[in-house]
Amino acid sequence: MEKIYGQIDLETIEKLADIINRKELSELTIANGEKSITIKGRKCIPAMPVAVAAAAPSQASVPVESTLAASEASMAEEVSGKIVRSPIVGTFYSAPSPDKPPFVKTGDEVKKGDVIMIIESMKLMNEIQSEFDGTVEQILVSDGQAVEFDQPIMVIK
């Protein structure tokens, strides 16, 4: 077996990468003395909104999966309106380019079919249209944030 990093072989690195994917970890770092190796996964856990984090129970003994599910459930109870969810995995952009104004801001009126965001996926900029008429009540993610499929992005009332 070929050694590529000190005492770590390719097979060991592949096993660690499999663990990262199965456990949906964002990264894993292994240190041996002064040497270390970091393996990064594809999926990052999205940051929870501040209001939800304050209302969540102590997370010291609660598994991450149940905490995220409880947070989304409590967010659904607190939110009155229609939730716009990400149709794909990618990066959220609120504006067509950094020097342009955002498509929508909190308080803006939108009509069904209006472009309300861009989600970049695989180097393609996907314009996402509103499925609802109404007023943008809340934007749940920040510009440039990674989003998952079906993740709540915006609330339209």
C-alpha atoms as a PDB file:
ATOM      1  CA  MET A   1       0.000   0.000   0.000  1.00  0.00           C
ATOM      2  CA  GLU A   2       1.382   3.396  -0.977  1.00  0.00           C
ATOM      3  CA  LYS A   3       2.008   5.827   1.888  1.00  0.00           C
ATOM      4  CA  ILE A   4       1.074   9.382   0.948  1.00  0.00           C
ATOM      5  CA  TYR A   5       1.110  11.295   4.160  1.00  0.00           C
ATOM      6  CA  GLY A   6       3.546  10.136   6.809  1.00  0.00           C
ATOM      7  CA  GLN A   7       1.948   6.946   8.143  1.00  0.00           C
ATOM      8  CA  ILE A   8      -1.474   7.465   6.470  1.00  0.00           C
ATOM      9  CA  ASP A   9      -2.140   5.450   3.308  1.00  0.00           C
ATOM     10  CA  LEU A  10      -4.656   6.084   0.546  1.00  0.00           C
ATOM     11  CA  GLU A  11      -7.007   3.347   1.813  1.00  0.00           C
ATOM     12  CA  THR A  12      -7.203   5.006   5.244  1.00  0.00           C
ATOM     13  CA  ILE A  13      -7.977   8.392   3.677  1.00  0.00           C
ATOM     14  CA  GLU A  14     -10.736   6.813   1.554  1.00  0.00           C
ATOM     15  CA  LYS A  15     -12.241   5.179   4.665  1.00  0.00           C
ATOM     16  CA  LEU A  16     -12.191   8.535   6.479  1.00  0.00           C
ATOM     17  CA  ALA A  17     -13.867  10.209   3.482  1.00  0.00           C
ATOM     18  CA  ASP A  18     -16.594   7.516   3.558  1.00  0.00           C
ATOM     19  CA  ILE A  19     -17.164   8.203   7.259  1.00  0.00           C
ATOM     20  CA  ILE A  20     -17.470  11.939   6.569  1.00  0.00           C
ATOM     21  CA  ASN A  21     -20.064  11.292   3.849  1.00  0.00           C
ATOM     22  CA  ARG A  22     -22.074   8.746   5.887  1.00  0.00           C
ATOM     23  CA  LYS A  23     -22.135  10.941   9.002  1.00  0.00           C
ATOM     24  CA  GLU A  24     -22.644  14.109   6.908  1.00  0.00           C
ATOM     25  CA  LEU A  25     -19.725  15.879   8.605  1.00  0.00           C
ATOM     26  CA  SER A  26     -18.365  19.123   7.199  1.00  0.00           C
ATOM     27  CA  GLU A  27     -14.731  18.238   7.955  1.00  0.00           C
ATOM     28  CA  LEU A  28     -12.427  15.939   9.922  1.00  0.00           C
ATOM     29  CA  THR A  29      -8.901  16.765  11.104  1.00  0.00           C
ATOM     30  CA  ILE A  30      -6.414  14.143  12.278  1.00  0.00           C
ATOM     31  CA  ALA A  31      -3.182  15.226  13.977  1.00  0.00           C
ATOM     32  CA  ASN A  32      -0.096  13.145  14.706  1.00  0.00           C
ATOM     33  CA  GLY A  33       2.545  15.202  16.447  1.00  0.00           C
ATOM     34  CA  GLU A  34       3.336  18.199  14.269  1.00  0.00           C
ATOM     35  CA  LYS A  35       1.670  16.707  11.186  1.00  0.00           C
ATOM     36  CA  SER A  36      -2.065  16.936  10.525  1.00  0.00           C
ATOM     37  CA  ILE A  37      -4.468  16.227   7.697  1.00  0.00           C
ATOM     38  CA  THR A  38      -7.928  17.720   7.144  1.00  0.00           C
ATOM     39  CA  ILE A  39     -10.565  16.064   4.982  1.00  0.00           C
ATOM     40  CA  LYS A  40     -13.526  18.253   4.060  1.00  0.00           C
ATOM     41  CA  GLY A  41     -16.960  16.920   3.193  1.00  0.00           C
ATOM     42  CA  ARG A  42     -19.486  18.390   0.785  1.00  0.00           C
ATOM     43  CA  LYS A  43     -22.292  19.051   3.232  1.00  0.00           C
ATOM     44  CA  CYS A  44     -22.148  21.804   5.835  1.00  0.00           C
ATOM     45  CA  ILE A  45     -24.772  22.168   8.534  1.00  0.00           C
ATOM     46  CA  PRO A  46     -26.607  25.457   7.895  1.00  0.00           C
ATOM     47  CA  ALA A  47     -26.472  28.108  10.586  1.00  0.00           C
ATOM     48  CA  MET A  48     -29.653  28.302  12.617  1.00  0.00           C
ATOM     49  CA  PRO A  49     -31.495  31.635  12.788  1.00  0.00           C
ATOM     50  CA  VAL A  50     -30.761  33.526  16.017  1.00  0.00           C
ATOM     51  CA  ALA A  51     -34.390  33.544  17.207  1.00  0.00           C
ATOM     52  CA  VAL A  52     -34.615  29.755  16.864  1.00  0.00           C
ATOM     53  CA  ALA A  53     -31.266  29.148  18.577  1.00  0.00           C
ATOM     54  CA  ALA A  54     -32.354  31.166  21.617  1.00  0.00           C
ATOM     55  CA  ALA A  55     -35.554  29.122  21.914  1.00  0.00           C
ATOM     56  CA  ALA A  56     -33.814  25.738  21.501  1.00  0.00           C
ATOM     57  CA  PRO A  57     -33.245  23.543  24.569  1.00  0.00           C
ATOM     58  CA  SER A  58     -29.748  22.944  25.906  1.00  0.00           C
ATOM     59  CA  GLN A  59     -27.910  21.176  23.127  1.00  0.00           C
ATOM     60  CA  ALA A  60     -25.312  19.505  25.351  1.00  0.00           C
ATOM     61  CA  SER A  61     -27.177  16.181  25.485  1.00  0.00           C
ATOM     62  CA  VAL A  62     -29.447  16.470  22.410  1.00  0.00           C
ATOM     63  CA  PRO A  63     -28.319  14.827  19.138  1.00  0.00           C
ATOM     64  CA  VAL A  64     -27.694  17.229  16.235  1.00  0.00           C
ATOM     65  CA  GLU A  65     -30.327  15.601  13.984  1.00  0.00           C
ATOM     66  CA  SER A  66     -33.122  16.001  16.539  1.00  0.00           C
ATOM     67  CA  THR A  67     -32.017  19.561  17.325  1.00  0.00           C
ATOM     68  CA  LEU A  68     -32.205  20.535  13.637  1.00  0.00           C
ATOM     69  CA  ALA A  69     -35.597  18.841  13.219  1.00  0.00           C
ATOM     70  CA  ALA A  70     -36.919  20.559  16.367  1.00  0.00           C
ATOM     71  CA  SER A  71     -35.554  23.913  15.182  1.00  0.00           C
ATOM     72  CA  GLU A  72     -37.286  23.594  11.819  1.00  0.00           C
ATOM     73  CA  ALA A  73     -40.527  22.527  13.527  1.00  0.00           C
ATOM     74  CA  SER A  74     -40.418  25.476  15.936  1.00  0.00           C
ATOM     75  CA  MET A  75     -39.576  27.803  13.038  1.00  0.00           C
ATOM     76  CA  ALA A  76     -42.638  26.529  11.121  1.00  0.00           C
ATOM     77  CA  GLU A  77     -44.816  27.245  14.177  1.00  0.00           C
ATOM     78  CA  GLU A  78     -43.405  30.791  14.542  1.00  0.00           C
ATOM     79  CA  VAL A  79     -43.657  31.628  10.827  1.00  0.00           C
ATOM     80  CA  SER A  80     -46.988  32.686   9.429  1.00  0.00           C
ATOM     81  CA  GLY A  81     -46.893  32.753   5.670  1.00  0.00           C
ATOM     82  CA  LYS A  82     -45.657  30.668   2.779  1.00  0.00           C
ATOM     83  CA  ILE A  83     -42.136  29.290   2.998  1.00  0.00           C
ATOM     84  CA  VAL A  84     -39.998  29.470  -0.152  1.00  0.00           C
ATOM     85  CA  ARG A  85     -37.652  26.473  -0.155  1.00  0.00           C
ATOM     86  CA  SER A  86     -34.494  25.880  -2.153  1.00  0.00           C
ATOM     87  CA  PRO A  87     -35.266  23.732  -5.210  1.00  0.00           C
ATOM     88  CA  ILE A  88     -31.589  22.663  -5.506  1.00  0.00           C
ATOM     89  CA  VAL A  89     -28.335  22.419  -3.564  1.00  0.00           C
ATOM     90  CA  GLY A  90     -26.060  25.389  -4.146  1.00  0.00           C
ATOM     91  CA  THR A  91     -25.097  28.887  -3.037  1.00  0.00           C
ATOM     92  CA  PHE A  92     -27.745  31.556  -2.362  1.00  0.00           C
ATOM     93  CA  TYR A  93     -27.308  34.993  -3.945  1.00  0.00           C
ATOM     94  CA  SER A  94     -29.763  37.797  -3.283  1.00  0.00           C
ATOM     95  CA  ALA A  95     -28.640  39.931  -6.259  1.00  0.00           C
ATOM     96  CA  PRO A  96     -27.709  39.315  -9.904  1.00  0.00           C
ATOM     97  CA  SER A  97     -24.146  40.552  -9.200  1.00  0.00           C
ATOM     98  CA  PRO A  98     -22.261  42.081  -6.244  1.00  0.00           C
ATOM     99  CA  ASP A  99     -22.674  45.637  -7.583  1.00  0.00           C
ATOM    100  CA  LYS A 100     -26.438  45.314  -8.217  1.00  0.00           C
ATOM    101  CA  PRO A 101     -29.274  45.708  -5.684  1.00  0.00           C
ATOM    102  CA  PRO A 102     -30.943  42.542  -4.327  1.00  0.00           C
ATOM    103  CA  PHE A 103     -33.903  41.070  -6.183  1.00  0.00           C
ATOM    104  CA  VAL A 104     -36.077  41.465  -3.064  1.00  0.00           C
ATOM    105  CA  LYS A 105     -35.746  42.833   0.465  1.00  0.00           C
ATOM    106  CA  THR A 106     -37.892  42.352   3.546  1.00  0.00           C
ATOM    107  CA  GLY A 107     -41.139  44.264   2.998  1.00  0.00           C
ATOM    108  CA  ASP A 108     -41.050  44.102  -0.824  1.00  0.00           C
ATOM    109  CA  GLU A 109     -44.167  43.025  -2.737  1.00  0.00           C
ATOM    110  CA  VAL A 110     -43.686  40.070  -5.097  1.00  0.00           C
ATOM    111  CA  LYS A 111     -45.883  38.475  -7.731  1.00  0.00           C
ATOM    112  CA  LYS A 112     -45.891  34.852  -8.788  1.00  0.00           C
ATOM    113  CA  GLY A 113     -43.156  34.468 -11.424  1.00  0.00           C
ATOM    114  CA  ASP A 114     -40.937  37.337 -10.166  1.00  0.00           C
ATOM    115  CA  VAL A 115     -37.240  36.409  -9.815  1.00  0.00           C
ATOM    116  CA  ILE A 116     -36.492  36.531  -6.083  1.00  0.00           C
ATOM    117  CA  MET A 117     -32.992  34.977  -5.853  1.00  0.00           C
ATOM    118  CA  ILE A 118     -30.235  33.110  -7.629  1.00  0.00           C
ATOM    119  CA  ILE A 119     -28.899  29.749  -6.532  1.00  0.00           C
ATOM    120  CA  GLU A 120     -25.556  28.848  -8.056  1.00  0.00           C
ATOM    121  CA  SER A 121     -25.125  25.135  -8.590  1.00  0.00           C
ATOM    122  CA  MET A 122     -22.301  23.517 -10.548  1.00  0.00           C
ATOM    123  CA  LYS A 123     -21.169  26.916 -11.896  1.00  0.00           C
ATOM    124  CA  LEU A 124     -24.679  27.642 -13.267  1.00  0.00           C
ATOM    125  CA  MET A 125     -26.654  30.639 -12.033  1.00  0.00           C
ATOM    126  CA  ASN A 126     -30.276  29.496 -11.574  1.00  0.00           C
ATOM    127  CA  GLU A 127     -32.846  32.287 -11.288  1.00  0.00           C
ATOM    128  CA  ILE A 128     -35.511  31.220  -8.801  1.00  0.00           C
ATOM    129  CA  GLN A 129     -39.004  32.617  -9.292  1.00  0.00           C
ATOM    130  CA  SER A 130     -41.630  33.219  -6.631  1.00  0.00           C
ATOM    131  CA  GLU A 131     -44.399  30.657  -6.475  1.00  0.00           C
ATOM    132  CA  PHE A 132     -46.590  33.071  -4.500  1.00  0.00           C
ATOM    133  CA  ASP A 133     -47.998  36.590  -4.532  1.00  0.00           C
ATOM    134  CA  GLY A 134     -47.380  38.541  -1.345  1.00  0.00           C
ATOM    135  CA  THR A 135     -44.929  40.498   0.787  1.00  0.00           C
ATOM    136  CA  VAL A 136     -41.448  39.265   1.700  1.00  0.00           C
ATOM    137  CA  GLU A 137     -41.678  38.903   5.471  1.00  0.00           C
ATOM    138  CA  GLN A 138     -38.311  37.310   6.211  1.00  0.00           C
ATOM    139  CA  ILE A 139     -35.147  36.161   4.430  1.00  0.00           C
ATOM    140  CA  LEU A 140     -33.741  33.201   6.361  1.00  0.00           C
ATOM    141  CA  VAL A 141     -30.265  32.887   4.780  1.00  0.00           C
ATOM    142  CA  SER A 142     -27.468  35.327   4.102  1.00  0.00           C
ATOM    143  CA  ASP A 143     -25.920  36.221   0.758  1.00  0.00           C
ATOM    144  CA  GLY A 144     -23.302  33.687  -0.340  1.00  0.00           C
ATOM    145  CA  GLN A 145     -24.509  31.007   2.092  1.00  0.00           C
ATOM    146  CA  ALA A 146     -24.581  27.360   1.017  1.00  0.00           C
ATOM    147  CA  VAL A 147     -28.132  25.972   0.902  1.00  0.00           C
ATOM    148  CA  GLU A 148     -29.474  22.437   0.793  1.00  0.00           C
ATOM    149  CA  PHE A 149     -32.360  21.031  -1.232  1.00  0.00           C
ATOM    150  CA  ASP A 150     -35.704  21.921   0.382  1.00  0.00           C
ATOM    151  CA  GLN A 151     -34.069  24.273   2.928  1.00  0.00           C
ATOM    152  CA  PRO A 152     -36.315  27.216   3.919  1.00  0.00           C
ATOM    153  CA  ILE A 153     -34.949  30.377   2.266  1.00  0.00           C
ATOM    154  CA  MET A 154     -37.644  33.030   2.555  1.00  0.00           C
ATOM    155  CA  VAL A 155     -41.100  33.674   4.010  1.00  0.00           C
ATOM    156  CA  ILE A 156     -43.767  35.405   1.898  1.00  0.00           C
ATOM    157  CA  LYS A 157     -46.969  36.530   3.583  1.00  0.00           C
END
